[in-house]
Amino acid sequence: MRWPPQLENGELLREAETAGFDLMVTSDQNIRYQQNLTGRRLALLVLGSNIWPVVQNYAAAIAAAVDATPPVSYSFIEMPLPPKSRKDG
């Protein structure tokens, strides 16, 4: 793929569809509000966090969602932050 190094969301979605992708995984939780998804040919799987240690904990759920996400759909994986540890002092 010879995509430009930086693409805005709309351009990225268009390029992904043109390249034949059928699913896009993103942590941009606002994409459904920022982009008109009507008429899109690819499915969106949105992660509830972009914090790597949190995302890593959901690897199995992400893999399962990738396998189960229907074409031309929007799915969201909730990823709550772990509770903060209390420092007794």
PDB file of N, CA and C in Angstrom:
ATOM      1  N   MET A   1       0.847  -1.167   0.000  1.00  0.00           N
ATOM      2  CA  MET A   1       0.000   0.000   0.000  1.00  0.00           C
ATOM      3  C   MET A   1       0.894   1.233   0.000  1.00  0.00           C
ATOM      4  N   ARG A   2       0.534   2.152  -0.776  1.00  0.00           N
ATOM      5  CA  ARG A   2       1.294   3.397  -0.876  1.00  0.00           C
ATOM      6  C   ARG A   2       0.412   4.580  -0.493  1.00  0.00           C
ATOM      7  N   TRP A   3       0.017   4.578   0.763  1.00  0.00           N
ATOM      8  CA  TRP A   3      -0.812   5.650   1.262  1.00  0.00           C
ATOM      9  C   TRP A   3       0.077   6.804   1.689  1.00  0.00           C
ATOM     10  N   PRO A   4      -0.454   8.024   1.649  1.00  0.00           N
ATOM     11  CA  PRO A   4       0.291   9.155   2.209  1.00  0.00           C
ATOM     12  C   PRO A   4       0.573   8.905   3.692  1.00  0.00           C
ATOM     13  N   PRO A   5       1.643   9.490   4.229  1.00  0.00           N
ATOM     14  CA  PRO A   5       2.012   9.221   5.622  1.00  0.00           C
ATOM     15  C   PRO A   5       0.958   9.671   6.643  1.00  0.00           C
ATOM     16  N   GLN A   6       0.180  10.682   6.326  1.00  0.00           N
ATOM     17  CA  GLN A   6      -0.847  11.132   7.273  1.00  0.00           C
ATOM     18  C   GLN A   6      -2.146  11.320   6.516  1.00  0.00           C
ATOM     19  N   LEU A   7      -3.192  10.710   7.042  1.00  0.00           N
ATOM     20  CA  LEU A   7      -4.514  10.831   6.441  1.00  0.00           C
ATOM     21  C   LEU A   7      -5.509  11.247   7.500  1.00  0.00           C
ATOM     22  N   GLU A   8      -6.420  12.122   7.143  1.00  0.00           N
ATOM     23  CA  GLU A   8      -7.528  12.448   8.034  1.00  0.00           C
ATOM     24  C   GLU A   8      -8.479  11.259   8.040  1.00  0.00           C
ATOM     25  N   ASN A   9      -9.379  11.188   9.035  1.00  0.00           N
ATOM     26  CA  ASN A   9     -10.274  10.034   9.174  1.00  0.00           C
ATOM     27  C   ASN A   9     -11.044   9.709   7.907  1.00  0.00           C
ATOM     28  N   GLY A  10     -11.660  10.709   7.291  1.00  0.00           N
ATOM     29  CA  GLY A  10     -12.440  10.461   6.079  1.00  0.00           C
ATOM     30  C   GLY A  10     -11.582   9.890   4.974  1.00  0.00           C
ATOM     31  N   GLU A  11     -10.380  10.435   4.816  1.00  0.00           N
ATOM     32  CA  GLU A  11      -9.461   9.935   3.790  1.00  0.00           C
ATOM     33  C   GLU A  11      -9.013   8.518   4.119  1.00  0.00           C
ATOM     34  N   LEU A  12      -8.750   8.255   5.383  1.00  0.00           N
ATOM     35  CA  LEU A  12      -8.312   6.921   5.809  1.00  0.00           C
ATOM     36  C   LEU A  12      -9.400   5.884   5.531  1.00  0.00           C
ATOM     37  N   LEU A  13     -10.635   6.211   5.868  1.00  0.00           N
ATOM     38  CA  LEU A  13     -11.748   5.294   5.599  1.00  0.00           C
ATOM     39  C   LEU A  13     -11.872   5.027   4.099  1.00  0.00           C
ATOM     40  N   ARG A  14     -11.773   6.077   3.303  1.00  0.00           N
ATOM     41  CA  ARG A  14     -11.884   5.943   1.846  1.00  0.00           C
ATOM     42  C   ARG A  14     -10.756   5.087   1.280  1.00  0.00           C
ATOM     43  N   GLU A  15      -9.522   5.341   1.719  1.00  0.00           N
ATOM     44  CA  GLU A  15      -8.372   4.567   1.247  1.00  0.00           C
ATOM     45  C   GLU A  15      -8.479   3.097   1.662  1.00  0.00           C
ATOM     46  N   ALA A  16      -8.947   2.859   2.881  1.00  0.00           N
ATOM     47  CA  ALA A  16      -9.099   1.487   3.357  1.00  0.00           C
ATOM     48  C   ALA A  16     -10.125   0.737   2.514  1.00  0.00           C
ATOM     49  N   GLU A  17     -11.228   1.384   2.210  1.00  0.00           N
ATOM     50  CA  GLU A  17     -12.242   0.750   1.368  1.00  0.00           C
ATOM     51  C   GLU A  17     -11.711   0.497  -0.041  1.00  0.00           C
ATOM     52  N   THR A  18     -11.016   1.472  -0.593  1.00  0.00           N
ATOM     53  CA  THR A  18     -10.452   1.325  -1.940  1.00  0.00           C
ATOM     54  C   THR A  18      -9.456   0.174  -1.987  1.00  0.00           C
ATOM     55  N   ALA A  19      -8.703  -0.006  -0.902  1.00  0.00           N
ATOM     56  CA  ALA A  19      -7.701  -1.079  -0.846  1.00  0.00           C
ATOM     57  C   ALA A  19      -8.341  -2.441  -0.568  1.00  0.00           C
ATOM     58  N   GLY A  20      -9.655  -2.472  -0.315  1.00  0.00           N
ATOM     59  CA  GLY A  20     -10.342  -3.741  -0.127  1.00  0.00           C
ATOM     60  C   GLY A  20     -10.487  -4.198   1.315  1.00  0.00           C
ATOM     61  N   PHE A  21     -10.150  -3.338   2.270  1.00  0.00           N
ATOM     62  CA  PHE A  21     -10.348  -3.707   3.675  1.00  0.00           C
ATOM     63  C   PHE A  21     -11.837  -3.787   3.968  1.00  0.00           C
ATOM     64  N   ASP A  22     -12.216  -4.696   4.857  1.00  0.00           N
ATOM     65  CA  ASP A  22     -13.617  -4.786   5.234  1.00  0.00           C
ATOM     66  C   ASP A  22     -13.844  -4.451   6.703  1.00  0.00           C
ATOM     67  N   LEU A  23     -12.765  -4.204   7.451  1.00  0.00           N
ATOM     68  CA  LEU A  23     -12.867  -3.867   8.869  1.00  0.00           C
ATOM     69  C   LEU A  23     -11.743  -2.920   9.249  1.00  0.00           C
ATOM     70  N   MET A  24     -12.089  -1.925  10.050  1.00  0.00           N
ATOM     71  CA  MET A  24     -11.096  -0.996  10.576  1.00  0.00           C
ATOM     72  C   MET A  24     -11.215  -0.993  12.090  1.00  0.00           C
ATOM     73  N   VAL A  25     -10.090  -1.196  12.768  1.00  0.00           N
ATOM     74  CA  VAL A  25     -10.046  -1.138  14.225  1.00  0.00           C
ATOM     75  C   VAL A  25      -9.421   0.201  14.601  1.00  0.00           C
ATOM     76  N   THR A  26     -10.086   0.930  15.478  1.00  0.00           N
ATOM     77  CA  THR A  26      -9.614   2.246  15.879  1.00  0.00           C
ATOM     78  C   THR A  26      -9.937   2.489  17.350  1.00  0.00           C
ATOM     79  N   SER A  27      -9.215   3.416  17.948  1.00  0.00           N
ATOM     80  CA  SER A  27      -9.551   3.832  19.308  1.00  0.00           C
ATOM     81  C   SER A  27     -10.207   5.221  19.306  1.00  0.00           C
ATOM     82  N   ASP A  28     -10.500   5.737  18.108  1.00  0.00           N
ATOM     83  CA  ASP A  28     -11.146   7.040  17.978  1.00  0.00           C
ATOM     84  C   ASP A  28     -12.638   6.891  18.272  1.00  0.00           C
ATOM     85  N   GLN A  29     -13.011   7.147  19.521  1.00  0.00           N
ATOM     86  CA  GLN A  29     -14.390   6.947  19.952  1.00  0.00           C
ATOM     87  C   GLN A  29     -15.342   7.986  19.374  1.00  0.00           C
ATOM     88  N   ASN A  30     -14.815   9.033  18.777  1.00  0.00           N
ATOM     89  CA  ASN A  30     -15.668  10.069  18.194  1.00  0.00           C
ATOM     90  C   ASN A  30     -15.892   9.876  16.698  1.00  0.00           C
ATOM     91  N   ILE A  31     -15.287   8.857  16.105  1.00  0.00           N
ATOM     92  CA  ILE A  31     -15.353   8.698  14.656  1.00  0.00           C
ATOM     93  C   ILE A  31     -16.783   8.614  14.141  1.00  0.00           C
ATOM     94  N   ARG A  32     -17.660   7.983  14.888  1.00  0.00           N
ATOM     95  CA  ARG A  32     -19.049   7.855  14.402  1.00  0.00           C
ATOM     96  C   ARG A  32     -19.768   9.188  14.395  1.00  0.00           C
ATOM     97  N   TYR A  33     -19.283  10.162  15.166  1.00  0.00           N
ATOM     98  CA  TYR A  33     -19.887  11.491  15.187  1.00  0.00           C
ATOM     99  C   TYR A  33     -19.182  12.445  14.227  1.00  0.00           C
ATOM    100  N   GLN A  34     -17.919  12.178  13.931  1.00  0.00           N
ATOM    101  CA  GLN A  34     -17.130  13.054  13.071  1.00  0.00           C
ATOM    102  C   GLN A  34     -17.248  12.690  11.594  1.00  0.00           C
ATOM    103  N   GLN A  35     -17.612  11.449  11.310  1.00  0.00           N
ATOM    104  CA  GLN A  35     -17.672  10.971   9.934  1.00  0.00           C
ATOM    105  C   GLN A  35     -19.079  10.488   9.599  1.00  0.00           C
ATOM    106  N   ASN A  36     -19.484  10.733   8.373  1.00  0.00           N
ATOM    107  CA  ASN A  36     -20.747  10.189   7.898  1.00  0.00           C
ATOM    108  C   ASN A  36     -20.470   8.750   7.473  1.00  0.00           C
ATOM    109  N   LEU A  37     -20.979   7.798   8.228  1.00  0.00           N
ATOM    110  CA  LEU A  37     -20.713   6.390   7.962  1.00  0.00           C
ATOM    111  C   LEU A  37     -21.736   5.772   7.014  1.00  0.00           C
ATOM    112  N   THR A  38     -22.747   6.542   6.643  1.00  0.00           N
ATOM    113  CA  THR A  38     -23.746   6.060   5.694  1.00  0.00           C
ATOM    114  C   THR A  38     -23.074   5.778   4.355  1.00  0.00           C
ATOM    115  N   GLY A  39     -23.331   4.609   3.822  1.00  0.00           N
ATOM    116  CA  GLY A  39     -22.768   4.255   2.527  1.00  0.00           C
ATOM    117  C   GLY A  39     -21.377   3.664   2.586  1.00  0.00           C
ATOM    118  N   ARG A  40     -20.795   3.596   3.766  1.00  0.00           N
ATOM    119  CA  ARG A  40     -19.465   2.984   3.898  1.00  0.00           C
ATOM    120  C   ARG A  40     -19.566   1.493   3.677  1.00  0.00           C
ATOM    121  N   ARG A  41     -18.488   0.911   3.171  1.00  0.00           N
ATOM    122  CA  ARG A  41     -18.474  -0.526   2.899  1.00  0.00           C
ATOM    123  C   ARG A  41     -17.703  -1.307   3.945  1.00  0.00           C
ATOM    124  N   LEU A  42     -17.057  -0.615   4.865  1.00  0.00           N
ATOM    125  CA  LEU A  42     -16.299  -1.360   5.865  1.00  0.00           C
ATOM    126  C   LEU A  42     -16.910  -1.230   7.242  1.00  0.00           C
ATOM    127  N   ALA A  43     -16.617  -2.216   8.052  1.00  0.00           N
ATOM    128  CA  ALA A  43     -17.102  -2.228   9.434  1.00  0.00           C
ATOM    129  C   ALA A  43     -16.095  -1.486  10.303  1.00  0.00           C
ATOM    130  N   LEU A  44     -16.585  -0.889  11.372  1.00  0.00           N
ATOM    131  CA  LEU A  44     -15.727  -0.215  12.337  1.00  0.00           C
ATOM    132  C   LEU A  44     -15.817  -0.934  13.675  1.00  0.00           C
ATOM    133  N   LEU A  45     -14.655  -1.234  14.237  1.00  0.00           N
ATOM    134  CA  LEU A  45     -14.553  -1.789  15.577  1.00  0.00           C
ATOM    135  C   LEU A  45     -13.794  -0.767  16.401  1.00  0.00           C
ATOM    136  N   VAL A  46     -14.480  -0.149  17.348  1.00  0.00           N
ATOM    137  CA  VAL A  46     -13.899   0.932  18.137  1.00  0.00           C
ATOM    138  C   VAL A  46     -13.527   0.404  19.512  1.00  0.00           C
ATOM    139  N   LEU A  47     -12.288   0.655  19.892  1.00  0.00           N
ATOM    140  CA  LEU A  47     -11.784   0.236  21.197  1.00  0.00           C
ATOM    141  C   LEU A  47     -12.076   1.317  22.224  1.00  0.00           C
ATOM    142  N   GLY A  48     -12.421   0.905  23.421  1.00  0.00           N
ATOM    143  CA  GLY A  48     -12.773   1.835  24.481  1.00  0.00           C
ATOM    144  C   GLY A  48     -11.590   2.500  25.158  1.00  0.00           C
ATOM    145  N   SER A  49     -10.385   2.232  24.692  1.00  0.00           N
ATOM    146  CA  SER A  49      -9.183   2.851  25.258  1.00  0.00           C
ATOM    147  C   SER A  49      -8.086   2.860  24.211  1.00  0.00           C
ATOM    148  N   ASN A  50      -7.172   3.800  24.362  1.00  0.00           N
ATOM    149  CA  ASN A  50      -5.968   3.797  23.531  1.00  0.00           C
ATOM    150  C   ASN A  50      -4.722   3.648  24.407  1.00  0.00           C
ATOM    151  N   ILE A  51      -4.924   3.264  25.648  1.00  0.00           N
ATOM    152  CA  ILE A  51      -3.814   3.057  26.588  1.00  0.00           C
ATOM    153  C   ILE A  51      -3.353   1.614  26.436  1.00  0.00           C
ATOM    154  N   TRP A  52      -2.123   1.435  25.943  1.00  0.00           N
ATOM    155  CA  TRP A  52      -1.643   0.120  25.558  1.00  0.00           C
ATOM    156  C   TRP A  52      -1.799  -0.956  26.636  1.00  0.00           C
ATOM    157  N   PRO A  53      -1.416  -0.725  27.894  1.00  0.00           N
ATOM    158  CA  PRO A  53      -1.598  -1.785  28.889  1.00  0.00           C
ATOM    159  C   PRO A  53      -3.072  -2.203  29.038  1.00  0.00           C
ATOM    160  N   VAL A  54      -3.987  -1.273  28.884  1.00  0.00           N
ATOM    161  CA  VAL A  54      -5.417  -1.598  28.965  1.00  0.00           C
ATOM    162  C   VAL A  54      -5.819  -2.398  27.729  1.00  0.00           C
ATOM    163  N   VAL A  55      -5.422  -1.926  26.541  1.00  0.00           N
ATOM    164  CA  VAL A  55      -5.760  -2.612  25.291  1.00  0.00           C
ATOM    165  C   VAL A  55      -5.212  -4.039  25.306  1.00  0.00           C
ATOM    166  N   GLN A  56      -3.992  -4.206  25.779  1.00  0.00           N
ATOM    167  CA  GLN A  56      -3.389  -5.548  25.849  1.00  0.00           C
ATOM    168  C   GLN A  56      -4.243  -6.525  26.640  1.00  0.00           C
ATOM    169  N   ASN A  57      -4.846  -6.041  27.711  1.00  0.00           N
ATOM    170  CA  ASN A  57      -5.687  -6.906  28.547  1.00  0.00           C
ATOM    171  C   ASN A  57      -6.933  -7.399  27.813  1.00  0.00           C
ATOM    172  N   TYR A  58      -7.275  -6.754  26.721  1.00  0.00           N
ATOM    173  CA  TYR A  58      -8.478  -7.108  25.961  1.00  0.00           C
ATOM    174  C   TYR A  58      -8.141  -7.782  24.634  1.00  0.00           C
ATOM    175  N   ALA A  59      -6.938  -8.307  24.506  1.00  0.00           N
ATOM    176  CA  ALA A  59      -6.509  -8.918  23.236  1.00  0.00           C
ATOM    177  C   ALA A  59      -7.465 -10.011  22.777  1.00  0.00           C
ATOM    178  N   ALA A  60      -7.871 -10.886  23.669  1.00  0.00           N
ATOM    179  CA  ALA A  60      -8.781 -11.976  23.290  1.00  0.00           C
ATOM    180  C   ALA A  60     -10.143 -11.430  22.857  1.00  0.00           C
ATOM    181  N   ALA A  61     -10.652 -10.432  23.560  1.00  0.00           N
ATOM    182  CA  ALA A  61     -11.945  -9.836  23.206  1.00  0.00           C
ATOM    183  C   ALA A  61     -11.863  -9.120  21.857  1.00  0.00           C
ATOM    184  N   ILE A  62     -10.737  -8.467  21.597  1.00  0.00           N
ATOM    185  CA  ILE A  62     -10.551  -7.784  20.314  1.00  0.00           C
ATOM    186  C   ILE A  62     -10.510  -8.806  19.183  1.00  0.00           C
ATOM    187  N   ALA A  63      -9.732  -9.873  19.365  1.00  0.00           N
ATOM    188  CA  ALA A  63      -9.637 -10.919  18.337  1.00  0.00           C
ATOM    189  C   ALA A  63     -11.009 -11.536  18.067  1.00  0.00           C
ATOM    190  N   ALA A  64     -11.768 -11.801  19.127  1.00  0.00           N
ATOM    191  CA  ALA A  64     -13.105 -12.381  18.962  1.00  0.00           C
ATOM    192  C   ALA A  64     -14.027 -11.410  18.229  1.00  0.00           C
ATOM    193  N   ALA A  65     -13.934 -10.132  18.574  1.00  0.00           N
ATOM    194  CA  ALA A  65     -14.780  -9.124  17.920  1.00  0.00           C
ATOM    195  C   ALA A  65     -14.411  -8.972  16.446  1.00  0.00           C
ATOM    196  N   VAL A  66     -13.119  -9.041  16.127  1.00  0.00           N
ATOM    197  CA  VAL A  66     -12.695  -8.970  14.729  1.00  0.00           C
ATOM    198  C   VAL A  66     -13.327 -10.122  13.949  1.00  0.00           C
ATOM    199  N   ASP A  67     -13.309 -11.300  14.523  1.00  0.00           N
ATOM    200  CA  ASP A  67     -13.890 -12.473  13.856  1.00  0.00           C
ATOM    201  C   ASP A  67     -15.410 -12.384  13.744  1.00  0.00           C
ATOM    202  N   ALA A  68     -16.065 -11.741  14.708  1.00  0.00           N
ATOM    203  CA  ALA A  68     -17.527 -11.751  14.770  1.00  0.00           C
ATOM    204  C   ALA A  68     -18.191 -10.488  14.214  1.00  0.00           C
ATOM    205  N   THR A  69     -17.424  -9.450  13.939  1.00  0.00           N
ATOM    206  CA  THR A  69     -18.026  -8.196  13.489  1.00  0.00           C
ATOM    207  C   THR A  69     -18.641  -8.377  12.107  1.00  0.00           C
ATOM    208  N   PRO A  70     -19.941  -8.101  11.979  1.00  0.00           N
ATOM    209  CA  PRO A  70     -20.575  -8.260  10.673  1.00  0.00           C
ATOM    210  C   PRO A  70     -20.140  -7.153   9.707  1.00  0.00           C
ATOM    211  N   PRO A  71     -20.245  -7.407   8.421  1.00  0.00           N
ATOM    212  CA  PRO A  71     -19.884  -6.386   7.433  1.00  0.00           C
ATOM    213  C   PRO A  71     -20.700  -5.112   7.631  1.00  0.00           C
ATOM    214  N   VAL A  72     -20.103  -4.016   7.290  1.00  0.00           N
ATOM    215  CA  VAL A  72     -20.760  -2.713   7.296  1.00  0.00           C
ATOM    216  C   VAL A  72     -21.493  -2.475   8.618  1.00  0.00           C
ATOM    217  N   SER A  73     -20.759  -2.541   9.720  1.00  0.00           N
ATOM    218  CA  SER A  73     -21.365  -2.355  11.035  1.00  0.00           C
ATOM    219  C   SER A  73     -20.460  -1.490  11.905  1.00  0.00           C
ATOM    220  N   TYR A  74     -20.981  -1.145  13.051  1.00  0.00           N
ATOM    221  CA  TYR A  74     -20.236  -0.386  14.055  1.00  0.00           C
ATOM    222  C   TYR A  74     -20.293  -1.186  15.346  1.00  0.00           C
ATOM    223  N   SER A  75     -19.133  -1.483  15.914  1.00  0.00           N
ATOM    224  CA  SER A  75     -19.062  -2.201  17.193  1.00  0.00           C
ATOM    225  C   SER A  75     -18.130  -1.456  18.134  1.00  0.00           C
ATOM    226  N   PHE A  76     -18.412  -1.566  19.415  1.00  0.00           N
ATOM    227  CA  PHE A  76     -17.614  -0.884  20.434  1.00  0.00           C
ATOM    228  C   PHE A  76     -17.244  -1.889  21.522  1.00  0.00           C
ATOM    229  N   ILE A  77     -15.981  -1.889  21.918  1.00  0.00           N
ATOM    230  CA  ILE A  77     -15.533  -2.733  23.029  1.00  0.00           C
ATOM    231  C   ILE A  77     -15.253  -1.823  24.216  1.00  0.00           C
ATOM    232  N   GLU A  78     -16.071  -1.959  25.238  1.00  0.00           N
ATOM    233  CA  GLU A  78     -15.885  -1.186  26.473  1.00  0.00           C
ATOM    234  C   GLU A  78     -14.602  -1.650  27.149  1.00  0.00           C
ATOM    235  N   MET A  79     -13.774  -0.708  27.564  1.00  0.00           N
ATOM    236  CA  MET A  79     -12.503  -1.031  28.224  1.00  0.00           C
ATOM    237  C   MET A  79     -12.308  -0.111  29.426  1.00  0.00           C
ATOM    238  N   PRO A  80     -12.968  -0.403  30.516  1.00  0.00           N
ATOM    239  CA  PRO A  80     -12.814   0.461  31.685  1.00  0.00           C
ATOM    240  C   PRO A  80     -11.386   0.416  32.215  1.00  0.00           C
ATOM    241  N   LEU A  81     -10.953   1.531  32.733  1.00  0.00           N
ATOM    242  CA  LEU A  81      -9.634   1.592  33.348  1.00  0.00           C
ATOM    243  C   LEU A  81      -9.643   0.780  34.636  1.00  0.00           C
ATOM    244  N   PRO A  82      -8.533   0.119  34.937  1.00  0.00           N
ATOM    245  CA  PRO A  82      -8.485  -0.604  36.214  1.00  0.00           C
ATOM    246  C   PRO A  82      -8.544   0.391  37.373  1.00  0.00           C
ATOM    247  N   PRO A  83      -9.056  -0.039  38.511  1.00  0.00           N
ATOM    248  CA  PRO A  83      -9.113   0.872  39.664  1.00  0.00           C
ATOM    249  C   PRO A  83      -7.727   1.313  40.069  1.00  0.00           C
ATOM    250  N   LYS A  84      -7.632   2.549  40.507  1.00  0.00           N
ATOM    251  CA  LYS A  84      -6.339   3.049  40.987  1.00  0.00           C
ATOM    252  C   LYS A  84      -6.034   2.417  42.340  1.00  0.00           C
ATOM    253  N   SER A  85      -4.783   2.094  42.510  1.00  0.00           N
ATOM    254  CA  SER A  85      -4.400   1.515  43.806  1.00  0.00           C
ATOM    255  C   SER A  85      -4.336   2.617  44.864  1.00  0.00           C
ATOM    256  N   ARG A  86      -4.711   2.268  46.062  1.00  0.00           N
ATOM    257  CA  ARG A  86      -4.692   3.222  47.165  1.00  0.00           C
ATOM    258  C   ARG A  86      -3.347   3.113  47.859  1.00  0.00           C
ATOM    259  N   LYS A  87      -2.754   4.226  48.093  1.00  0.00           N
ATOM    260  CA  LYS A  87      -1.488   4.249  48.817  1.00  0.00           C
ATOM    261  C   LYS A  87      -1.775   4.591  50.271  1.00  0.00           C
ATOM    262  N   ASP A  88      -1.526   3.618  51.115  1.00  0.00           N
ATOM    263  CA  ASP A  88      -1.734   3.870  52.552  1.00  0.00           C
ATOM    264  C   ASP A  88      -0.533   4.612  53.095  1.00  0.00           C
ATOM    265  N   GLY A  89      -0.767   5.595  53.854  1.00  0.00           N
ATOM    266  CA  GLY A  89       0.374   6.340  54.291  1.00  0.00           C
ATOM    267  C   GLY A  89       0.255   6.865  55.607  1.00  0.00           C
TER     268      GLY A  89
END
